[in-house]
Amino acid sequence: MPTKLLRITLLLCCISIISGCSVVAPSQGYRQAGSTAAPWQISGELYDFTNVKIFINGAKVIDERLSLLSGDGEFQSRYDGKNIVANCSTSAGLLTTATRCMVFVENEKAATLSF
């Protein structure tokens, strides 16, 4: 019986590793200087430790991979006719790693997403 339990445990561990994990950065509001429009909601998701997805008002504007060697990346896109840039970097601690993406709209800092 212990062998069967061990097999089930190993199988569950493998499934959880293969399925990956996702970390979501909370939404942040952004309104361009001088604008009276409703603020954009900028949010993000880090999937499998390297895949960065950034959303504006629910629309995916960036879906790219961080460097496997450095954990960094700079990504560009467009949303609503505006240039979007995300500068992402990963820092490693003793027990954890943290990824941070600074999002810019038309060269103006719009949000800092932390995963």
C-alpha atoms as a PDB file:
ATOM      1  CA  MET A   1       0.000   0.000   0.000  1.00  0.00           C
ATOM      2  CA  PRO A   2       2.783   2.569   0.729  1.00  0.00           C
ATOM      3  CA  THR A   3       4.155   2.047  -2.802  1.00  0.00           C
ATOM      4  CA  LYS A   4       0.801   2.942  -4.322  1.00  0.00           C
ATOM      5  CA  LEU A   5       0.556   6.064  -2.153  1.00  0.00           C
ATOM      6  CA  LEU A   6       4.079   7.059  -3.181  1.00  0.00           C
ATOM      7  CA  ARG A   7       3.202   6.679  -6.866  1.00  0.00           C
ATOM      8  CA  ILE A   8       0.084   8.796  -6.480  1.00  0.00           C
ATOM      9  CA  THR A   9       2.051  11.478  -4.645  1.00  0.00           C
ATOM     10  CA  LEU A  10       4.735  11.552  -7.344  1.00  0.00           C
ATOM     11  CA  LEU A  11       2.088  11.730 -10.056  1.00  0.00           C
ATOM     12  CA  LEU A  12       0.370  14.671  -8.340  1.00  0.00           C
ATOM     13  CA  CYS A  13       3.701  16.474  -7.937  1.00  0.00           C
ATOM     14  CA  CYS A  14       4.514  16.001 -11.624  1.00  0.00           C
ATOM     15  CA  ILE A  15       1.101  17.264 -12.677  1.00  0.00           C
ATOM     16  CA  SER A  16       1.438  20.380 -10.532  1.00  0.00           C
ATOM     17  CA  ILE A  17       4.891  21.116 -11.967  1.00  0.00           C
ATOM     18  CA  ILE A  18       3.789  20.566 -15.559  1.00  0.00           C
ATOM     19  CA  SER A  19       0.645  22.648 -15.165  1.00  0.00           C
ATOM     20  CA  GLY A  20       2.778  25.607 -14.111  1.00  0.00           C
ATOM     21  CA  CYS A  21       1.877  28.411 -11.843  1.00  0.00           C
ATOM     22  CA  SER A  22       0.625  31.872 -12.467  1.00  0.00           C
ATOM     23  CA  VAL A  23       1.044  35.050 -10.433  1.00  0.00           C
ATOM     24  CA  VAL A  24      -1.321  37.963 -11.018  1.00  0.00           C
ATOM     25  CA  ALA A  25      -0.418  41.605 -10.430  1.00  0.00           C
ATOM     26  CA  PRO A  26      -3.360  43.691  -9.221  1.00  0.00           C
ATOM     27  CA  SER A  27      -4.892  46.231 -11.561  1.00  0.00           C
ATOM     28  CA  GLN A  28      -3.648  49.819 -11.419  1.00  0.00           C
ATOM     29  CA  GLY A  29      -5.404  52.867 -12.784  1.00  0.00           C
ATOM     30  CA  TYR A  30      -3.673  55.194 -15.238  1.00  0.00           C
ATOM     31  CA  ARG A  31      -4.850  58.385 -16.899  1.00  0.00           C
ATOM     32  CA  GLN A  32      -2.627  60.365 -19.260  1.00  0.00           C
ATOM     33  CA  ALA A  33      -1.719  63.870 -18.153  1.00  0.00           C
ATOM     34  CA  GLY A  34      -4.427  66.337 -19.152  1.00  0.00           C
ATOM     35  CA  SER A  35      -6.951  63.626 -20.015  1.00  0.00           C
ATOM     36  CA  THR A  36     -10.495  63.650 -18.629  1.00  0.00           C
ATOM     37  CA  ALA A  37     -11.290  60.144 -19.926  1.00  0.00           C
ATOM     38  CA  ALA A  38     -11.828  57.221 -17.600  1.00  0.00           C
ATOM     39  CA  PRO A  39      -8.536  55.788 -16.332  1.00  0.00           C
ATOM     40  CA  TRP A  40      -7.098  52.725 -18.037  1.00  0.00           C
ATOM     41  CA  GLN A  41      -6.831  49.640 -15.860  1.00  0.00           C
ATOM     42  CA  ILE A  42      -3.404  48.035 -16.275  1.00  0.00           C
ATOM     43  CA  SER A  43      -2.796  44.557 -14.892  1.00  0.00           C
ATOM     44  CA  GLY A  44      -0.479  41.651 -15.522  1.00  0.00           C
ATOM     45  CA  GLU A  45       0.187  37.984 -15.134  1.00  0.00           C
ATOM     46  CA  LEU A  46       3.431  36.028 -14.877  1.00  0.00           C
ATOM     47  CA  TYR A  47       3.039  32.438 -16.022  1.00  0.00           C
ATOM     48  CA  ASP A  48       5.674  29.701 -15.632  1.00  0.00           C
ATOM     49  CA  PHE A  49       8.135  32.264 -14.255  1.00  0.00           C
ATOM     50  CA  THR A  50       9.000  33.590 -17.737  1.00  0.00           C
ATOM     51  CA  ASN A  51       5.824  34.406 -19.677  1.00  0.00           C
ATOM     52  CA  VAL A  52       4.674  37.988 -19.057  1.00  0.00           C
ATOM     53  CA  LYS A  53       1.180  39.032 -20.048  1.00  0.00           C
ATOM     54  CA  ILE A  54       0.084  42.632 -19.634  1.00  0.00           C
ATOM     55  CA  PHE A  55      -3.498  43.769 -20.049  1.00  0.00           C
ATOM     56  CA  ILE A  56      -5.035  47.208 -20.491  1.00  0.00           C
ATOM     57  CA  ASN A  57      -8.763  47.370 -19.826  1.00  0.00           C
ATOM     58  CA  GLY A  58      -8.867  43.587 -20.169  1.00  0.00           C
ATOM     59  CA  ALA A  59      -7.197  43.525 -23.601  1.00  0.00           C
ATOM     60  CA  LYS A  60      -3.904  41.611 -23.797  1.00  0.00           C
ATOM     61  CA  VAL A  61      -1.301  44.040 -25.138  1.00  0.00           C
ATOM     62  CA  ILE A  62       1.889  42.127 -24.274  1.00  0.00           C
ATOM     63  CA  ASP A  63       2.462  38.362 -24.258  1.00  0.00           C
ATOM     64  CA  GLU A  64       6.222  37.759 -24.256  1.00  0.00           C
ATOM     65  CA  ARG A  65       8.912  35.704 -22.514  1.00  0.00           C
ATOM     66  CA  LEU A  66      11.601  36.949 -20.154  1.00  0.00           C
ATOM     67  CA  SER A  67      15.201  35.931 -20.811  1.00  0.00           C
ATOM     68  CA  LEU A  68      15.938  32.545 -19.257  1.00  0.00           C
ATOM     69  CA  LEU A  69      19.449  33.714 -18.349  1.00  0.00           C
ATOM     70  CA  SER A  70      18.757  37.120 -16.820  1.00  0.00           C
ATOM     71  CA  GLY A  71      15.019  37.097 -16.119  1.00  0.00           C
ATOM     72  CA  ASP A  72      14.748  40.474 -17.866  1.00  0.00           C
ATOM     73  CA  GLY A  73      13.004  41.767 -20.952  1.00  0.00           C
ATOM     74  CA  GLU A  74      11.794  44.893 -22.737  1.00  0.00           C
ATOM     75  CA  PHE A  75       8.596  44.568 -24.719  1.00  0.00           C
ATOM     76  CA  GLN A  76       6.723  46.965 -26.997  1.00  0.00           C
ATOM     77  CA  SER A  77       3.167  47.099 -28.223  1.00  0.00           C
ATOM     78  CA  ARG A  78       0.363  49.522 -29.066  1.00  0.00           C
ATOM     79  CA  TYR A  79      -2.994  50.125 -27.458  1.00  0.00           C
ATOM     80  CA  ASP A  80      -5.612  52.669 -28.489  1.00  0.00           C
ATOM     81  CA  GLY A  81      -3.083  54.289 -30.828  1.00  0.00           C
ATOM     82  CA  LYS A  82      -0.501  54.730 -28.042  1.00  0.00           C
ATOM     83  CA  ASN A  83       2.968  53.191 -27.742  1.00  0.00           C
ATOM     84  CA  ILE A  84       3.217  50.781 -24.807  1.00  0.00           C
ATOM     85  CA  VAL A  85       6.571  49.657 -23.390  1.00  0.00           C
ATOM     86  CA  ALA A  86       7.149  47.246 -20.515  1.00  0.00           C
ATOM     87  CA  ASN A  87      10.590  47.000 -18.911  1.00  0.00           C
ATOM     88  CA  CYS A  88      10.725  43.851 -16.797  1.00  0.00           C
ATOM     89  CA  SER A  89      13.416  42.622 -14.437  1.00  0.00           C
ATOM     90  CA  THR A  90      13.722  39.733 -12.029  1.00  0.00           C
ATOM     91  CA  SER A  91      15.618  39.828  -8.761  1.00  0.00           C
ATOM     92  CA  ALA A  92      16.525  36.704  -6.834  1.00  0.00           C
ATOM     93  CA  GLY A  93      16.605  36.488  -3.080  1.00  0.00           C
ATOM     94  CA  LEU A  94      17.680  33.699  -0.787  1.00  0.00           C
ATOM     95  CA  LEU A  95      14.366  31.842  -1.000  1.00  0.00           C
ATOM     96  CA  THR A  96      12.279  33.783  -3.507  1.00  0.00           C
ATOM     97  CA  THR A  97      12.410  35.616  -6.784  1.00  0.00           C
ATOM     98  CA  ALA A  98      10.455  38.727  -7.658  1.00  0.00           C
ATOM     99  CA  THR A  99       9.654  40.108 -11.095  1.00  0.00           C
ATOM    100  CA  ARG A 100       8.730  43.732 -11.632  1.00  0.00           C
ATOM    101  CA  CYS A 101       7.497  45.329 -14.850  1.00  0.00           C
ATOM    102  CA  MET A 102       7.379  49.071 -15.303  1.00  0.00           C
ATOM    103  CA  VAL A 103       4.775  49.936 -17.928  1.00  0.00           C
ATOM    104  CA  PHE A 104       5.065  53.132 -19.953  1.00  0.00           C
ATOM    105  CA  VAL A 105       2.466  54.763 -22.189  1.00  0.00           C
ATOM    106  CA  GLU A 106       3.965  57.197 -24.706  1.00  0.00           C
ATOM    107  CA  ASN A 107       7.151  57.340 -22.520  1.00  0.00           C
ATOM    108  CA  GLU A 108       5.127  58.258 -19.412  1.00  0.00           C
ATOM    109  CA  LYS A 109       5.314  55.801 -16.508  1.00  0.00           C
ATOM    110  CA  ALA A 110       1.842  54.301 -16.149  1.00  0.00           C
ATOM    111  CA  ALA A 111       2.200  51.383 -13.724  1.00  0.00           C
ATOM    112  CA  THR A 112       4.618  49.169 -11.844  1.00  0.00           C
ATOM    113  CA  LEU A 113       3.443  45.571 -11.799  1.00  0.00           C
ATOM    114  CA  SER A 114       4.980  43.241  -9.210  1.00  0.00           C
ATOM    115  CA  PHE A 115       4.780  39.461  -9.466  1.00  0.00           C
END
